[in-house]
Amino acid sequence: MEVVAIFAVVITILLMAAVFSYLLEQKRRDAFRRLAAELGLDYVYRDTSVASRYEFLDALRKGDHRYAFNILRGTYEGHRVQAFDYHYETHSSGSKGQRQTQHHYFSFFVLEDDMSFPELRIYPEGILSKLGQMLGYADIDFESIEFSKAFCVRSLDRKFAYDICHTRMMEYLLAHRDLSIEIEGPCVALSFAKRLKPEEIPGRLRQLVEIRSLVPEYLFRG
């Protein structure tokens, strides 16, 4: 009887956790729907095609079972944008060889424009980037020592990197040190390591547009 009672308690706890998780997700979904209306954007709950549409962006091609959800898309301050939650899975083997699945979630913002740029990544300097430099994966340094210490910049096109990371852009990024930027093809994108609160989305969209405004106009005529 004790085993049955314990089993029943465990099942009850799991069911309560599942219901609580569902209610939280429903609340988030409703908040994104209201936010879309406030911003004049369309709301789409889920889109599995986003990963393939933007598969040239590093942040969106990790793992498998990739999809975007809670998607806001449309025109924002004159630019085509999308903002969404993103999911992907990775797998590992346990001590007994069993397959284990890890679920990863983060927030992503992308602005599309009439451009075709080479790949450029700018992200906060961290342990992994420093380790990569030790292993020969050097990033691009700039005259601003403070900026070079704060951010890792990587691109096969060094001139393009210098064109993008001009004085005003470096000043902007030093004032917003949590930003991770990827530019490639027609896209300027921002990614965050966690899912942002709905009330954080408008501010991040503004930052995306501000970063686009700092891209030199002569690059669009090239």
C-alpha atoms as a PDB file:
ATOM      1  CA  MET A   1       0.000   0.000   0.000  1.00  0.00           C
ATOM      2  CA  GLU A   2       2.833   2.395   0.823  1.00  0.00           C
ATOM      3  CA  VAL A   3       4.302   1.953  -2.659  1.00  0.00           C
ATOM      4  CA  VAL A   4       0.913   2.632  -4.234  1.00  0.00           C
ATOM      5  CA  ALA A   5       0.469   5.739  -2.090  1.00  0.00           C
ATOM      6  CA  ILE A   6       3.906   7.044  -3.001  1.00  0.00           C
ATOM      7  CA  PHE A   7       3.221   6.363  -6.685  1.00  0.00           C
ATOM      8  CA  ALA A   8      -0.089   8.234  -6.447  1.00  0.00           C
ATOM      9  CA  VAL A   9       1.607  11.221  -4.806  1.00  0.00           C
ATOM     10  CA  VAL A  10       4.289  11.287  -7.502  1.00  0.00           C
ATOM     11  CA  ILE A  11       1.684  11.144 -10.279  1.00  0.00           C
ATOM     12  CA  THR A  12      -0.313  13.917  -8.620  1.00  0.00           C
ATOM     13  CA  ILE A  13       2.764  16.133  -8.337  1.00  0.00           C
ATOM     14  CA  LEU A  14       3.674  15.512 -11.984  1.00  0.00           C
ATOM     15  CA  LEU A  15       0.139  16.313 -13.116  1.00  0.00           C
ATOM     16  CA  MET A  16       0.093  19.515 -11.047  1.00  0.00           C
ATOM     17  CA  ALA A  17       3.459  20.544 -12.523  1.00  0.00           C
ATOM     18  CA  ALA A  18       2.180  19.867 -16.046  1.00  0.00           C
ATOM     19  CA  VAL A  19      -0.972  21.918 -15.455  1.00  0.00           C
ATOM     20  CA  PHE A  20       1.034  24.766 -13.918  1.00  0.00           C
ATOM     21  CA  SER A  21       3.439  24.746 -16.871  1.00  0.00           C
ATOM     22  CA  TYR A  22       0.517  24.767 -19.317  1.00  0.00           C
ATOM     23  CA  LEU A  23      -1.113  27.725 -17.570  1.00  0.00           C
ATOM     24  CA  LEU A  24       2.151  29.681 -17.603  1.00  0.00           C
ATOM     25  CA  GLU A  25       2.600  29.040 -21.319  1.00  0.00           C
ATOM     26  CA  GLN A  26      -0.997  30.025 -22.003  1.00  0.00           C
ATOM     27  CA  LYS A  27      -0.446  33.250 -20.071  1.00  0.00           C
ATOM     28  CA  ARG A  28       2.708  33.965 -22.088  1.00  0.00           C
ATOM     29  CA  ARG A  29       0.900  33.212 -25.340  1.00  0.00           C
ATOM     30  CA  ASP A  30      -1.917  35.629 -24.429  1.00  0.00           C
ATOM     31  CA  ALA A  31       0.621  38.321 -23.470  1.00  0.00           C
ATOM     32  CA  PHE A  32       2.348  38.006 -26.853  1.00  0.00           C
ATOM     33  CA  ARG A  33      -0.985  38.206 -28.650  1.00  0.00           C
ATOM     34  CA  ARG A  34      -1.847  41.436 -26.812  1.00  0.00           C
ATOM     35  CA  LEU A  35       1.642  42.811 -27.468  1.00  0.00           C
ATOM     36  CA  ALA A  36       1.295  42.105 -31.193  1.00  0.00           C
ATOM     37  CA  ALA A  37      -1.920  44.131 -31.264  1.00  0.00           C
ATOM     38  CA  GLU A  38      -0.270  47.011 -29.386  1.00  0.00           C
ATOM     39  CA  LEU A  39       2.689  47.087 -31.793  1.00  0.00           C
ATOM     40  CA  GLY A  40       0.632  46.637 -34.948  1.00  0.00           C
ATOM     41  CA  LEU A  41       2.254  43.264 -35.689  1.00  0.00           C
ATOM     42  CA  ASP A  42       0.817  39.873 -36.582  1.00  0.00           C
ATOM     43  CA  TYR A  43       0.882  37.027 -34.061  1.00  0.00           C
ATOM     44  CA  VAL A  44       1.606  33.423 -35.023  1.00  0.00           C
ATOM     45  CA  TYR A  45       1.766  30.781 -32.322  1.00  0.00           C
ATOM     46  CA  ARG A  46       4.171  28.370 -34.015  1.00  0.00           C
ATOM     47  CA  ASP A  47       6.161  28.139 -37.253  1.00  0.00           C
ATOM     48  CA  THR A  48       8.507  25.240 -37.966  1.00  0.00           C
ATOM     49  CA  SER A  49       9.677  26.833 -41.242  1.00  0.00           C
ATOM     50  CA  VAL A  50      11.567  29.677 -39.522  1.00  0.00           C
ATOM     51  CA  ALA A  51      14.581  27.461 -38.824  1.00  0.00           C
ATOM     52  CA  SER A  52      14.997  26.551 -42.502  1.00  0.00           C
ATOM     53  CA  ARG A  53      14.221  30.079 -43.716  1.00  0.00           C
ATOM     54  CA  TYR A  54      17.014  31.513 -41.595  1.00  0.00           C
ATOM     55  CA  GLU A  55      19.271  28.472 -41.440  1.00  0.00           C
ATOM     56  CA  PHE A  56      22.233  30.591 -42.593  1.00  0.00           C
ATOM     57  CA  LEU A  57      22.174  32.284 -39.171  1.00  0.00           C
ATOM     58  CA  ASP A  58      24.360  30.382 -36.699  1.00  0.00           C
ATOM     59  CA  ALA A  59      22.048  30.836 -33.735  1.00  0.00           C
ATOM     60  CA  LEU A  60      19.156  29.081 -35.503  1.00  0.00           C
ATOM     61  CA  ARG A  61      20.877  25.989 -36.866  1.00  0.00           C
ATOM     62  CA  LYS A  62      21.901  24.294 -33.640  1.00  0.00           C
ATOM     63  CA  GLY A  63      20.518  20.906 -32.668  1.00  0.00           C
ATOM     64  CA  ASP A  64      17.351  19.418 -34.112  1.00  0.00           C
ATOM     65  CA  HIS A  65      13.559  19.650 -33.673  1.00  0.00           C
ATOM     66  CA  ARG A  66      13.917  23.378 -34.236  1.00  0.00           C
ATOM     67  CA  TYR A  67      10.939  25.706 -34.312  1.00  0.00           C
ATOM     68  CA  ALA A  68       9.866  29.269 -33.528  1.00  0.00           C
ATOM     69  CA  PHE A  69       6.803  30.078 -31.446  1.00  0.00           C
ATOM     70  CA  ASN A  70       5.080  33.119 -29.963  1.00  0.00           C
ATOM     71  CA  ILE A  71       6.031  34.947 -33.146  1.00  0.00           C
ATOM     72  CA  LEU A  72       5.503  38.661 -33.715  1.00  0.00           C
ATOM     73  CA  ARG A  73       6.003  39.632 -37.342  1.00  0.00           C
ATOM     74  CA  GLY A  74       5.288  42.571 -39.603  1.00  0.00           C
ATOM     75  CA  THR A  75       6.495  46.135 -40.085  1.00  0.00           C
ATOM     76  CA  TYR A  76       7.986  47.977 -37.121  1.00  0.00           C
ATOM     77  CA  GLU A  77       9.217  51.559 -37.514  1.00  0.00           C
ATOM     78  CA  GLY A  78       9.403  51.018 -41.269  1.00  0.00           C
ATOM     79  CA  HIS A  79      11.360  47.740 -41.118  1.00  0.00           C
ATOM     80  CA  ARG A  80      10.353  44.115 -41.687  1.00  0.00           C
ATOM     81  CA  VAL A  81      10.887  42.351 -38.374  1.00  0.00           C
ATOM     82  CA  GLN A  82      10.213  39.133 -36.530  1.00  0.00           C
ATOM     83  CA  ALA A  83      10.578  38.467 -32.812  1.00  0.00           C
ATOM     84  CA  PHE A  84       9.998  35.020 -31.359  1.00  0.00           C
ATOM     85  CA  ASP A  85      10.750  32.331 -28.819  1.00  0.00           C
ATOM     86  CA  TYR A  86      12.948  29.572 -30.246  1.00  0.00           C
ATOM     87  CA  HIS A  87      13.403  25.916 -29.350  1.00  0.00           C
ATOM     88  CA  TYR A  88      15.916  23.256 -30.309  1.00  0.00           C
ATOM     89  CA  GLU A  89      17.071  19.932 -28.886  1.00  0.00           C
ATOM     90  CA  THR A  90      20.461  18.369 -28.289  1.00  0.00           C
ATOM     91  CA  HIS A  91      21.160  14.808 -27.179  1.00  0.00           C
ATOM     92  CA  SER A  92      23.671  13.030 -24.998  1.00  0.00           C
ATOM     93  CA  SER A  93      24.224   9.563 -23.551  1.00  0.00           C
ATOM     94  CA  GLY A  94      23.742   8.787 -19.869  1.00  0.00           C
ATOM     95  CA  SER A  95      26.077   6.694 -17.734  1.00  0.00           C
ATOM     96  CA  LYS A  96      24.255   3.547 -18.837  1.00  0.00           C
ATOM     97  CA  GLY A  97      24.173   4.519 -22.486  1.00  0.00           C
ATOM     98  CA  GLN A  98      20.589   5.736 -22.507  1.00  0.00           C
ATOM     99  CA  ARG A  99      19.766   8.649 -24.814  1.00  0.00           C
ATOM    100  CA  GLN A 100      19.005  11.884 -23.017  1.00  0.00           C
ATOM    101  CA  THR A 101      17.387  14.925 -24.618  1.00  0.00           C
ATOM    102  CA  GLN A 102      18.082  18.507 -23.594  1.00  0.00           C
ATOM    103  CA  HIS A 103      15.621  21.246 -24.552  1.00  0.00           C
ATOM    104  CA  HIS A 104      16.969  24.743 -25.206  1.00  0.00           C
ATOM    105  CA  TYR A 105      14.929  27.945 -25.384  1.00  0.00           C
ATOM    106  CA  PHE A 106      15.882  31.535 -26.177  1.00  0.00           C
ATOM    107  CA  SER A 107      14.540  34.770 -27.689  1.00  0.00           C
ATOM    108  CA  PHE A 108      15.461  35.922 -31.173  1.00  0.00           C
ATOM    109  CA  PHE A 109      14.883  39.098 -33.188  1.00  0.00           C
ATOM    110  CA  VAL A 110      15.523  39.552 -36.888  1.00  0.00           C
ATOM    111  CA  LEU A 111      15.242  42.555 -39.212  1.00  0.00           C
ATOM    112  CA  GLU A 112      15.289  41.986 -42.975  1.00  0.00           C
ATOM    113  CA  ASP A 113      16.443  44.640 -45.404  1.00  0.00           C
ATOM    114  CA  ASP A 114      17.499  45.008 -49.032  1.00  0.00           C
ATOM    115  CA  MET A 115      21.063  43.892 -48.547  1.00  0.00           C
ATOM    116  CA  SER A 116      23.342  40.901 -48.979  1.00  0.00           C
ATOM    117  CA  PHE A 117      26.068  41.059 -46.370  1.00  0.00           C
ATOM    118  CA  PRO A 118      28.808  38.593 -45.454  1.00  0.00           C
ATOM    119  CA  GLU A 119      28.581  36.861 -42.094  1.00  0.00           C
ATOM    120  CA  LEU A 120      29.544  38.913 -39.049  1.00  0.00           C
ATOM    121  CA  ARG A 121      29.062  37.940 -35.426  1.00  0.00           C
ATOM    122  CA  ILE A 122      29.475  40.275 -32.457  1.00  0.00           C
ATOM    123  CA  TYR A 123      28.899  38.891 -28.987  1.00  0.00           C
ATOM    124  CA  PRO A 124      30.114  39.464 -25.421  1.00  0.00           C
ATOM    125  CA  GLU A 125      33.564  38.136 -24.680  1.00  0.00           C
ATOM    126  CA  GLY A 126      33.410  35.048 -22.478  1.00  0.00           C
ATOM    127  CA  ILE A 127      35.287  31.956 -21.394  1.00  0.00           C
ATOM    128  CA  LEU A 128      34.426  30.005 -24.554  1.00  0.00           C
ATOM    129  CA  SER A 129      35.527  32.788 -26.918  1.00  0.00           C
ATOM    130  CA  LYS A 130      38.771  33.206 -24.969  1.00  0.00           C
ATOM    131  CA  LEU A 131      39.359  29.454 -25.166  1.00  0.00           C
ATOM    132  CA  GLY A 132      38.719  29.611 -28.913  1.00  0.00           C
ATOM    133  CA  GLN A 133      41.354  32.318 -29.257  1.00  0.00           C
ATOM    134  CA  MET A 134      43.842  30.133 -27.377  1.00  0.00           C
ATOM    135  CA  LEU A 135      43.100  27.339 -29.853  1.00  0.00           C
ATOM    136  CA  GLY A 136      43.759  29.612 -32.820  1.00  0.00           C
ATOM    137  CA  TYR A 137      40.258  30.907 -33.562  1.00  0.00           C
ATOM    138  CA  ALA A 138      41.242  34.541 -33.360  1.00  0.00           C
ATOM    139  CA  ASP A 139      38.678  37.300 -33.306  1.00  0.00           C
ATOM    140  CA  ILE A 140      39.116  40.770 -34.812  1.00  0.00           C
ATOM    141  CA  ASP A 141      40.619  43.469 -32.619  1.00  0.00           C
ATOM    142  CA  PHE A 142      39.939  47.183 -32.849  1.00  0.00           C
ATOM    143  CA  GLU A 143      41.648  50.390 -31.803  1.00  0.00           C
ATOM    144  CA  SER A 144      39.301  50.587 -28.837  1.00  0.00           C
ATOM    145  CA  ILE A 145      40.905  48.294 -26.264  1.00  0.00           C
ATOM    146  CA  GLU A 146      37.768  48.510 -24.121  1.00  0.00           C
ATOM    147  CA  PHE A 147      35.586  47.289 -26.991  1.00  0.00           C
ATOM    148  CA  SER A 148      38.002  44.505 -27.944  1.00  0.00           C
ATOM    149  CA  LYS A 149      38.017  43.255 -24.351  1.00  0.00           C
ATOM    150  CA  ALA A 150      34.235  43.445 -24.030  1.00  0.00           C
ATOM    151  CA  PHE A 151      33.200  41.885 -27.365  1.00  0.00           C
ATOM    152  CA  CYS A 152      34.301  39.060 -29.623  1.00  0.00           C
ATOM    153  CA  VAL A 153      33.960  39.995 -33.303  1.00  0.00           C
ATOM    154  CA  ARG A 154      34.306  37.345 -35.997  1.00  0.00           C
ATOM    155  CA  SER A 155      33.999  37.554 -39.759  1.00  0.00           C
ATOM    156  CA  LEU A 156      35.886  36.281 -42.775  1.00  0.00           C
ATOM    157  CA  ASP A 157      35.584  39.782 -44.202  1.00  0.00           C
ATOM    158  CA  ARG A 158      37.706  41.980 -41.954  1.00  0.00           C
ATOM    159  CA  LYS A 159      36.927  45.144 -43.929  1.00  0.00           C
ATOM    160  CA  PHE A 160      33.213  44.573 -43.435  1.00  0.00           C
ATOM    161  CA  ALA A 161      33.797  44.069 -39.715  1.00  0.00           C
ATOM    162  CA  TYR A 162      35.653  47.373 -39.498  1.00  0.00           C
ATOM    163  CA  ASP A 163      32.926  49.095 -41.546  1.00  0.00           C
ATOM    164  CA  ILE A 164      30.258  47.894 -39.116  1.00  0.00           C
ATOM    165  CA  CYS A 165      32.212  48.427 -35.911  1.00  0.00           C
ATOM    166  CA  HIS A 166      32.834  52.131 -36.333  1.00  0.00           C
ATOM    167  CA  THR A 167      33.129  54.489 -33.359  1.00  0.00           C
ATOM    168  CA  ARG A 168      29.402  55.102 -32.860  1.00  0.00           C
ATOM    169  CA  MET A 169      28.576  51.394 -33.120  1.00  0.00           C
ATOM    170  CA  MET A 170      31.263  50.505 -30.581  1.00  0.00           C
ATOM    171  CA  GLU A 171      29.991  53.204 -28.213  1.00  0.00           C
ATOM    172  CA  TYR A 172      26.458  51.872 -28.572  1.00  0.00           C
ATOM    173  CA  LEU A 173      27.499  48.295 -27.860  1.00  0.00           C
ATOM    174  CA  LEU A 174      29.614  49.297 -24.871  1.00  0.00           C
ATOM    175  CA  ALA A 175      26.483  50.915 -23.476  1.00  0.00           C
ATOM    176  CA  HIS A 176      24.503  47.680 -24.128  1.00  0.00           C
ATOM    177  CA  ARG A 177      26.940  44.902 -23.270  1.00  0.00           C
ATOM    178  CA  ASP A 178      24.408  42.079 -23.223  1.00  0.00           C
ATOM    179  CA  LEU A 179      23.777  42.202 -26.976  1.00  0.00           C
ATOM    180  CA  SER A 180      24.712  39.358 -29.322  1.00  0.00           C
ATOM    181  CA  ILE A 181      24.473  40.390 -32.977  1.00  0.00           C
ATOM    182  CA  GLU A 182      24.609  38.414 -36.181  1.00  0.00           C
ATOM    183  CA  ILE A 183      24.564  40.034 -39.615  1.00  0.00           C
ATOM    184  CA  GLU A 184      24.380  37.957 -42.758  1.00  0.00           C
ATOM    185  CA  GLY A 185      22.588  38.135 -46.093  1.00  0.00           C
ATOM    186  CA  PRO A 186      19.514  40.352 -45.707  1.00  0.00           C
ATOM    187  CA  CYS A 187      19.379  40.056 -41.916  1.00  0.00           C
ATOM    188  CA  VAL A 188      20.432  41.899 -38.810  1.00  0.00           C
ATOM    189  CA  ALA A 189      19.628  39.712 -35.808  1.00  0.00           C
ATOM    190  CA  LEU A 190      19.766  39.771 -32.028  1.00  0.00           C
ATOM    191  CA  SER A 191      19.733  36.691 -29.822  1.00  0.00           C
ATOM    192  CA  PHE A 192      19.367  36.282 -26.070  1.00  0.00           C
ATOM    193  CA  ALA A 193      20.306  33.220 -24.039  1.00  0.00           C
ATOM    194  CA  LYS A 194      16.895  33.039 -22.351  1.00  0.00           C
ATOM    195  CA  ARG A 195      13.287  33.719 -23.185  1.00  0.00           C
ATOM    196  CA  LEU A 196      12.591  37.372 -22.511  1.00  0.00           C
ATOM    197  CA  LYS A 197       9.538  38.605 -20.637  1.00  0.00           C
ATOM    198  CA  PRO A 198       6.850  39.973 -22.974  1.00  0.00           C
ATOM    199  CA  GLU A 199       7.319  43.470 -21.545  1.00  0.00           C
ATOM    200  CA  GLU A 200      10.994  43.357 -22.595  1.00  0.00           C
ATOM    201  CA  ILE A 201      10.194  42.776 -26.264  1.00  0.00           C
ATOM    202  CA  PRO A 202       9.440  46.397 -27.336  1.00  0.00           C
ATOM    203  CA  GLY A 203      12.748  47.665 -25.935  1.00  0.00           C
ATOM    204  CA  ARG A 204      14.685  44.950 -27.720  1.00  0.00           C
ATOM    205  CA  LEU A 205      12.883  45.679 -30.987  1.00  0.00           C
ATOM    206  CA  ARG A 206      13.929  49.313 -30.631  1.00  0.00           C
ATOM    207  CA  GLN A 207      17.522  48.206 -30.093  1.00  0.00           C
ATOM    208  CA  LEU A 208      17.343  46.104 -33.259  1.00  0.00           C
ATOM    209  CA  VAL A 209      16.198  49.129 -35.254  1.00  0.00           C
ATOM    210  CA  GLU A 210      18.841  51.323 -33.596  1.00  0.00           C
ATOM    211  CA  ILE A 211      21.582  48.876 -34.580  1.00  0.00           C
ATOM    212  CA  ARG A 212      20.265  48.838 -38.144  1.00  0.00           C
ATOM    213  CA  SER A 213      20.388  52.657 -38.169  1.00  0.00           C
ATOM    214  CA  LEU A 214      24.071  52.499 -37.215  1.00  0.00           C
ATOM    215  CA  VAL A 215      24.953  50.364 -40.248  1.00  0.00           C
ATOM    216  CA  PRO A 216      26.636  52.800 -42.687  1.00  0.00           C
ATOM    217  CA  GLU A 217      24.385  53.631 -45.613  1.00  0.00           C
ATOM    218  CA  TYR A 218      27.239  53.288 -48.132  1.00  0.00           C
ATOM    219  CA  LEU A 219      27.230  49.547 -47.435  1.00  0.00           C
ATOM    220  CA  PHE A 220      23.760  49.319 -48.987  1.00  0.00           C
ATOM    221  CA  ARG A 221      25.043  50.821 -52.203  1.00  0.00           C
ATOM    222  CA  GLY A 222      27.874  48.340 -52.573  1.00  0.00           C
END
